[in-house]
Amino acid sequence: ALEAAPRDEGHEPEVPFLAARFAVPIDSGKPLGEELAASINYLASHQLQELAMDTMAKKYDTPANCILLKVPAVNHAIWGHMEVGILAQEIKLQSVLKLLASGITAVGRSVDGEK
């Protein structure tokens, strides 16, 4: 059985053999302040309010010259033939893509010197 060892306080669990074959080490940058890091970790592990996410996403609209960041529009002819479950997954995927595009735009604007 390929199971990880139980977590010991302050120690990383042992990585199972199969997982170790596919795992890619992640480089880490300079740490953030403790309060900001705690907030980011909390937000990453809890569902966010849709209104707050939409407001933030609108703040970072896709730049006109970054056409590959634009989330594809809904094709009503195709969506009319989709099952309800698949349609719900597509809507969630579009939401994730919009947030990803907003995040990339925010990073791009910060590098470009804009706010």
N, C-alpha and C. Protein backbone atom coordinates (compact mmCIF):
# COMPACT_ATOMS: atom_id res chain seq x y z
N ALA A 1 0.84 -1.18 0.00
CA ALA A 1 0.00 0.00 0.00
C ALA A 1 0.89 1.24 0.00
N LEU A 2 0.54 2.18 -0.84
CA LEU A 2 1.31 3.41 -0.97
C LEU A 2 0.66 4.51 -0.15
N GLU A 3 0.95 4.53 1.13
CA GLU A 3 0.37 5.54 2.00
C GLU A 3 1.46 6.39 2.61
N ALA A 4 1.14 7.68 2.77
CA ALA A 4 2.09 8.58 3.42
C ALA A 4 2.10 8.31 4.92
N ALA A 5 3.24 8.57 5.51
CA ALA A 5 3.34 8.44 6.96
C ALA A 5 2.46 9.49 7.61
N PRO A 6 1.95 9.21 8.82
CA PRO A 6 1.14 10.22 9.49
C PRO A 6 1.96 11.48 9.76
N ARG A 7 1.26 12.62 9.81
CA ARG A 7 1.94 13.89 10.05
C ARG A 7 2.39 13.99 11.49
N ASP A 8 3.65 14.33 11.67
CA ASP A 8 4.17 14.66 12.98
C ASP A 8 4.22 16.17 13.07
N GLU A 9 3.93 16.70 14.22
CA GLU A 9 3.96 18.14 14.41
C GLU A 9 5.33 18.68 14.03
N GLY A 10 5.37 19.61 13.07
CA GLY A 10 6.62 20.23 12.67
C GLY A 10 7.43 19.43 11.66
N HIS A 11 6.90 18.29 11.17
CA HIS A 11 7.63 17.49 10.19
C HIS A 11 6.75 17.27 8.96
N GLU A 12 7.39 17.24 7.82
CA GLU A 12 6.68 16.93 6.59
C GLU A 12 6.39 15.44 6.52
N PRO A 13 5.24 15.04 5.97
CA PRO A 13 4.97 13.60 5.84
C PRO A 13 5.90 12.98 4.80
N GLU A 14 6.15 11.71 4.94
CA GLU A 14 6.96 10.99 3.97
C GLU A 14 6.16 10.89 2.67
N VAL A 15 6.82 11.14 1.55
CA VAL A 15 6.13 11.11 0.26
C VAL A 15 6.08 9.68 -0.24
N PRO A 16 4.89 9.19 -0.62
CA PRO A 16 4.80 7.82 -1.15
C PRO A 16 5.64 7.68 -2.42
N PHE A 17 6.12 6.47 -2.66
CA PHE A 17 7.01 6.19 -3.79
C PHE A 17 6.42 6.67 -5.12
N LEU A 18 5.19 6.29 -5.42
CA LEU A 18 4.57 6.66 -6.70
C LEU A 18 4.43 8.17 -6.82
N ALA A 19 4.01 8.83 -5.77
CA ALA A 19 3.87 10.29 -5.80
C ALA A 19 5.22 10.96 -6.02
N ALA A 20 6.26 10.42 -5.43
CA ALA A 20 7.60 11.00 -5.56
C ALA A 20 8.09 10.95 -7.00
N ARG A 21 7.66 9.95 -7.76
CA ARG A 21 8.07 9.84 -9.16
C ARG A 21 7.51 10.97 -10.00
N PHE A 22 6.35 11.50 -9.62
CA PHE A 22 5.68 12.52 -10.41
C PHE A 22 5.74 13.91 -9.78
N ALA A 23 6.15 13.99 -8.55
CA ALA A 23 6.17 15.27 -7.84
C ALA A 23 7.23 16.19 -8.43
N VAL A 24 6.90 17.44 -8.49
CA VAL A 24 7.84 18.45 -8.97
C VAL A 24 8.08 19.41 -7.81
N PRO A 25 9.33 19.60 -7.44
CA PRO A 25 9.59 20.53 -6.34
C PRO A 25 9.16 21.94 -6.72
N ILE A 26 8.62 22.65 -5.76
CA ILE A 26 8.14 24.01 -5.99
C ILE A 26 9.12 24.98 -5.36
N ASP A 27 9.60 25.89 -6.18
CA ASP A 27 10.47 26.94 -5.65
C ASP A 27 9.62 27.93 -4.88
N SER A 28 10.16 28.44 -3.82
CA SER A 28 9.45 29.43 -3.01
C SER A 28 10.23 30.73 -3.03
N GLY A 29 9.48 31.82 -3.04
CA GLY A 29 10.10 33.14 -3.00
C GLY A 29 10.23 33.63 -1.57
N LYS A 30 10.61 34.87 -1.46
CA LYS A 30 10.77 35.51 -0.16
C LYS A 30 9.42 35.51 0.56
N PRO A 31 9.38 35.19 1.85
CA PRO A 31 8.10 35.13 2.57
C PRO A 31 7.41 36.49 2.64
N LEU A 32 6.08 36.45 2.68
CA LEU A 32 5.27 37.64 2.89
C LEU A 32 5.14 37.88 4.39
N GLY A 33 4.59 39.01 4.75
CA GLY A 33 4.30 39.27 6.15
C GLY A 33 3.33 38.22 6.68
N GLU A 34 3.42 37.92 7.97
CA GLU A 34 2.63 36.84 8.57
C GLU A 34 1.13 37.04 8.39
N GLU A 35 0.63 38.26 8.61
CA GLU A 35 -0.81 38.51 8.51
C GLU A 35 -1.30 38.35 7.07
N LEU A 36 -0.53 38.87 6.10
CA LEU A 36 -0.90 38.74 4.69
C LEU A 36 -0.87 37.27 4.28
N ALA A 37 0.17 36.55 4.68
CA ALA A 37 0.27 35.12 4.33
C ALA A 37 -0.89 34.33 4.94
N ALA A 38 -1.25 34.64 6.19
CA ALA A 38 -2.37 33.94 6.84
C ALA A 38 -3.67 34.24 6.10
N SER A 39 -3.86 35.48 5.65
CA SER A 39 -5.06 35.85 4.90
C SER A 39 -5.12 35.11 3.57
N ILE A 40 -4.01 35.06 2.86
CA ILE A 40 -3.97 34.37 1.57
C ILE A 40 -4.25 32.88 1.75
N ASN A 41 -3.64 32.27 2.75
CA ASN A 41 -3.87 30.85 3.00
C ASN A 41 -5.33 30.58 3.37
N TYR A 42 -5.92 31.47 4.14
CA TYR A 42 -7.33 31.32 4.51
C TYR A 42 -8.22 31.42 3.27
N LEU A 43 -7.98 32.46 2.47
CA LEU A 43 -8.81 32.67 1.28
C LEU A 43 -8.66 31.53 0.27
N ALA A 44 -7.47 30.94 0.20
CA ALA A 44 -7.24 29.84 -0.73
C ALA A 44 -7.95 28.56 -0.29
N SER A 45 -8.34 28.49 0.97
CA SER A 45 -8.96 27.26 1.46
C SER A 45 -10.45 27.42 1.79
N HIS A 46 -11.02 28.59 1.50
CA HIS A 46 -12.43 28.84 1.77
C HIS A 46 -13.10 29.45 0.53
N GLN A 47 -14.38 29.20 0.40
CA GLN A 47 -15.12 29.75 -0.73
C GLN A 47 -15.24 31.26 -0.58
N LEU A 48 -14.99 31.97 -1.66
CA LEU A 48 -15.03 33.42 -1.65
C LEU A 48 -16.41 33.92 -2.08
N GLN A 49 -16.78 35.10 -1.61
CA GLN A 49 -18.05 35.69 -2.01
C GLN A 49 -17.97 36.07 -3.49
N GLU A 50 -18.98 35.68 -4.25
CA GLU A 50 -18.98 35.92 -5.68
C GLU A 50 -18.96 37.42 -6.00
N LEU A 51 -19.69 38.22 -5.23
CA LEU A 51 -19.74 39.66 -5.48
C LEU A 51 -18.36 40.28 -5.30
N ALA A 52 -17.65 39.89 -4.26
CA ALA A 52 -16.31 40.42 -4.01
C ALA A 52 -15.36 40.02 -5.14
N MET A 53 -15.48 38.79 -5.61
CA MET A 53 -14.62 38.33 -6.70
C MET A 53 -14.93 39.06 -7.98
N ASP A 54 -16.21 39.28 -8.28
CA ASP A 54 -16.60 40.01 -9.49
C ASP A 54 -16.10 41.44 -9.45
N THR A 55 -16.20 42.07 -8.28
CA THR A 55 -15.74 43.45 -8.12
C THR A 55 -14.24 43.53 -8.37
N MET A 56 -13.49 42.59 -7.82
CA MET A 56 -12.04 42.58 -8.01
C MET A 56 -11.69 42.31 -9.47
N ALA A 57 -12.40 41.38 -10.10
CA ALA A 57 -12.12 41.05 -11.50
C ALA A 57 -12.38 42.24 -12.41
N LYS A 58 -13.42 43.01 -12.13
CA LYS A 58 -13.74 44.18 -12.97
C LYS A 58 -12.67 45.26 -12.85
N LYS A 59 -11.99 45.29 -11.72
CA LYS A 59 -10.92 46.27 -11.52
C LYS A 59 -9.76 46.01 -12.48
N TYR A 60 -9.59 44.75 -12.90
CA TYR A 60 -8.50 44.38 -13.78
C TYR A 60 -9.03 43.78 -15.07
N ASP A 61 -9.75 44.59 -15.85
CA ASP A 61 -10.25 44.14 -17.14
C ASP A 61 -9.08 43.77 -18.05
N THR A 62 -9.31 42.83 -18.94
CA THR A 62 -8.27 42.39 -19.86
C THR A 62 -7.84 43.55 -20.75
N PRO A 63 -6.53 43.80 -20.83
CA PRO A 63 -6.05 44.87 -21.71
C PRO A 63 -6.43 44.61 -23.17
N ALA A 64 -6.69 45.68 -23.90
CA ALA A 64 -7.13 45.56 -25.30
C ALA A 64 -6.11 44.84 -26.17
N ASN A 65 -4.83 44.95 -25.83
CA ASN A 65 -3.80 44.33 -26.67
C ASN A 65 -3.37 42.95 -26.17
N CYS A 66 -4.14 42.35 -25.29
CA CYS A 66 -3.87 40.98 -24.80
C CYS A 66 -5.05 40.09 -25.14
N ILE A 67 -5.27 39.88 -26.43
CA ILE A 67 -6.47 39.16 -26.88
C ILE A 67 -6.51 37.71 -26.41
N LEU A 68 -5.36 37.10 -26.14
CA LEU A 68 -5.37 35.71 -25.70
C LEU A 68 -5.83 35.56 -24.26
N LEU A 69 -5.92 36.66 -23.50
CA LEU A 69 -6.43 36.61 -22.13
C LEU A 69 -7.95 36.72 -22.07
N LYS A 70 -8.58 37.06 -23.18
CA LYS A 70 -10.03 37.22 -23.18
C LYS A 70 -10.71 35.85 -23.05
N VAL A 71 -11.67 35.78 -22.15
CA VAL A 71 -12.42 34.53 -21.96
C VAL A 71 -13.42 34.42 -23.11
N PRO A 72 -13.46 33.27 -23.77
CA PRO A 72 -14.37 33.11 -24.91
C PRO A 72 -15.83 33.38 -24.51
N ALA A 73 -16.54 34.02 -25.41
CA ALA A 73 -17.95 34.32 -25.18
C ALA A 73 -18.77 33.04 -25.25
N VAL A 74 -19.93 33.10 -24.65
CA VAL A 74 -20.86 31.96 -24.66
C VAL A 74 -21.39 31.78 -26.08
N ASN A 75 -21.34 30.54 -26.58
CA ASN A 75 -21.93 30.21 -27.87
C ASN A 75 -23.30 29.60 -27.59
N HIS A 76 -24.34 30.43 -27.69
CA HIS A 76 -25.69 29.99 -27.32
C HIS A 76 -26.18 28.81 -28.17
N ALA A 77 -25.74 28.72 -29.42
CA ALA A 77 -26.15 27.60 -30.27
C ALA A 77 -25.64 26.28 -29.69
N ILE A 78 -24.43 26.29 -29.17
CA ILE A 78 -23.86 25.07 -28.59
C ILE A 78 -24.43 24.84 -27.19
N TRP A 79 -24.51 25.91 -26.39
CA TRP A 79 -24.98 25.77 -25.02
C TRP A 79 -26.42 25.27 -24.97
N GLY A 80 -27.19 25.55 -25.98
CA GLY A 80 -28.58 25.09 -26.01
C GLY A 80 -28.71 23.58 -26.09
N HIS A 81 -27.64 22.90 -26.49
CA HIS A 81 -27.67 21.44 -26.63
C HIS A 81 -26.93 20.72 -25.50
N MET A 82 -26.40 21.47 -24.55
CA MET A 82 -25.65 20.86 -23.45
C MET A 82 -26.58 20.40 -22.34
N GLU A 83 -26.15 19.34 -21.67
CA GLU A 83 -26.88 18.88 -20.49
C GLU A 83 -26.67 19.88 -19.36
N VAL A 84 -27.59 19.93 -18.43
CA VAL A 84 -27.53 20.90 -17.33
C VAL A 84 -26.23 20.76 -16.53
N GLY A 85 -25.81 19.56 -16.23
CA GLY A 85 -24.59 19.35 -15.46
C GLY A 85 -23.35 19.87 -16.18
N ILE A 86 -23.27 19.61 -17.47
CA ILE A 86 -22.13 20.08 -18.27
C ILE A 86 -22.17 21.61 -18.36
N LEU A 87 -23.36 22.16 -18.52
CA LEU A 87 -23.52 23.61 -18.59
C LEU A 87 -23.04 24.27 -17.29
N ALA A 88 -23.37 23.68 -16.16
CA ALA A 88 -22.94 24.21 -14.87
C ALA A 88 -21.41 24.18 -14.77
N GLN A 89 -20.79 23.10 -15.25
CA GLN A 89 -19.33 23.01 -15.24
C GLN A 89 -18.71 24.08 -16.14
N GLU A 90 -19.32 24.32 -17.29
CA GLU A 90 -18.82 25.35 -18.21
C GLU A 90 -18.90 26.74 -17.59
N ILE A 91 -19.98 27.01 -16.88
CA ILE A 91 -20.14 28.31 -16.22
C ILE A 91 -19.07 28.49 -15.15
N LYS A 92 -18.80 27.44 -14.36
CA LYS A 92 -17.75 27.51 -13.34
C LYS A 92 -16.39 27.71 -13.99
N LEU A 93 -16.14 27.02 -15.09
CA LEU A 93 -14.86 27.14 -15.78
C LEU A 93 -14.68 28.57 -16.31
N GLN A 94 -15.74 29.16 -16.86
CA GLN A 94 -15.63 30.54 -17.34
C GLN A 94 -15.31 31.48 -16.18
N SER A 95 -15.90 31.24 -15.03
CA SER A 95 -15.64 32.07 -13.86
C SER A 95 -14.17 31.97 -13.45
N VAL A 96 -13.64 30.75 -13.44
CA VAL A 96 -12.24 30.55 -13.10
C VAL A 96 -11.33 31.22 -14.12
N LEU A 97 -11.66 31.09 -15.40
CA LEU A 97 -10.86 31.71 -16.44
C LEU A 97 -10.86 33.24 -16.32
N LYS A 98 -12.00 33.82 -15.97
CA LYS A 98 -12.08 35.28 -15.78
C LYS A 98 -11.20 35.72 -14.62
N LEU A 99 -11.23 34.96 -13.51
CA LEU A 99 -10.38 35.29 -12.37
C LEU A 99 -8.90 35.13 -12.71
N LEU A 100 -8.57 34.10 -13.45
CA LEU A 100 -7.19 33.89 -13.87
C LEU A 100 -6.72 35.04 -14.75
N ALA A 101 -7.55 35.44 -15.72
CA ALA A 101 -7.19 36.56 -16.60
C ALA A 101 -7.03 37.84 -15.79
N SER A 102 -7.89 38.06 -14.80
CA SER A 102 -7.77 39.25 -13.95
C SER A 102 -6.48 39.22 -13.15
N GLY A 103 -6.12 38.05 -12.63
CA GLY A 103 -4.88 37.93 -11.87
C GLY A 103 -3.66 38.18 -12.73
N ILE A 104 -3.66 37.62 -13.92
CA ILE A 104 -2.54 37.84 -14.85
C ILE A 104 -2.47 39.32 -15.22
N THR A 105 -3.62 39.94 -15.44
CA THR A 105 -3.66 41.37 -15.77
C THR A 105 -3.12 42.20 -14.62
N ALA A 106 -3.51 41.86 -13.38
CA ALA A 106 -3.02 42.60 -12.21
C ALA A 106 -1.50 42.52 -12.11
N VAL A 107 -0.96 41.33 -12.32
CA VAL A 107 0.50 41.17 -12.29
C VAL A 107 1.13 41.98 -13.43
N GLY A 108 0.55 41.88 -14.60
CA GLY A 108 1.08 42.62 -15.75
C GLY A 108 1.07 44.11 -15.52
N ARG A 109 -0.03 44.62 -14.95
CA ARG A 109 -0.11 46.06 -14.67
C ARG A 109 0.90 46.48 -13.61
N SER A 110 1.14 45.62 -12.61
CA SER A 110 2.12 45.97 -11.59
C SER A 110 3.53 46.01 -12.17
N VAL A 111 3.83 45.11 -13.10
CA VAL A 111 5.14 45.11 -13.75
C VAL A 111 5.26 46.32 -14.67
N ASP A 112 4.13 46.69 -15.29
CA ASP A 112 4.10 47.81 -16.23
C ASP A 112 4.09 49.15 -15.50
N GLY A 113 3.95 49.12 -14.17
CA GLY A 113 3.97 50.35 -13.38
C GLY A 113 2.62 50.98 -13.15
N GLU A 114 1.54 50.30 -13.55
CA GLU A 114 0.18 50.81 -13.33
C GLU A 114 -0.41 50.22 -12.09
N LYS A 115 -1.49 50.86 -11.61
CA LYS A 115 -2.24 50.30 -10.49
C LYS A 115 -3.65 50.05 -10.91
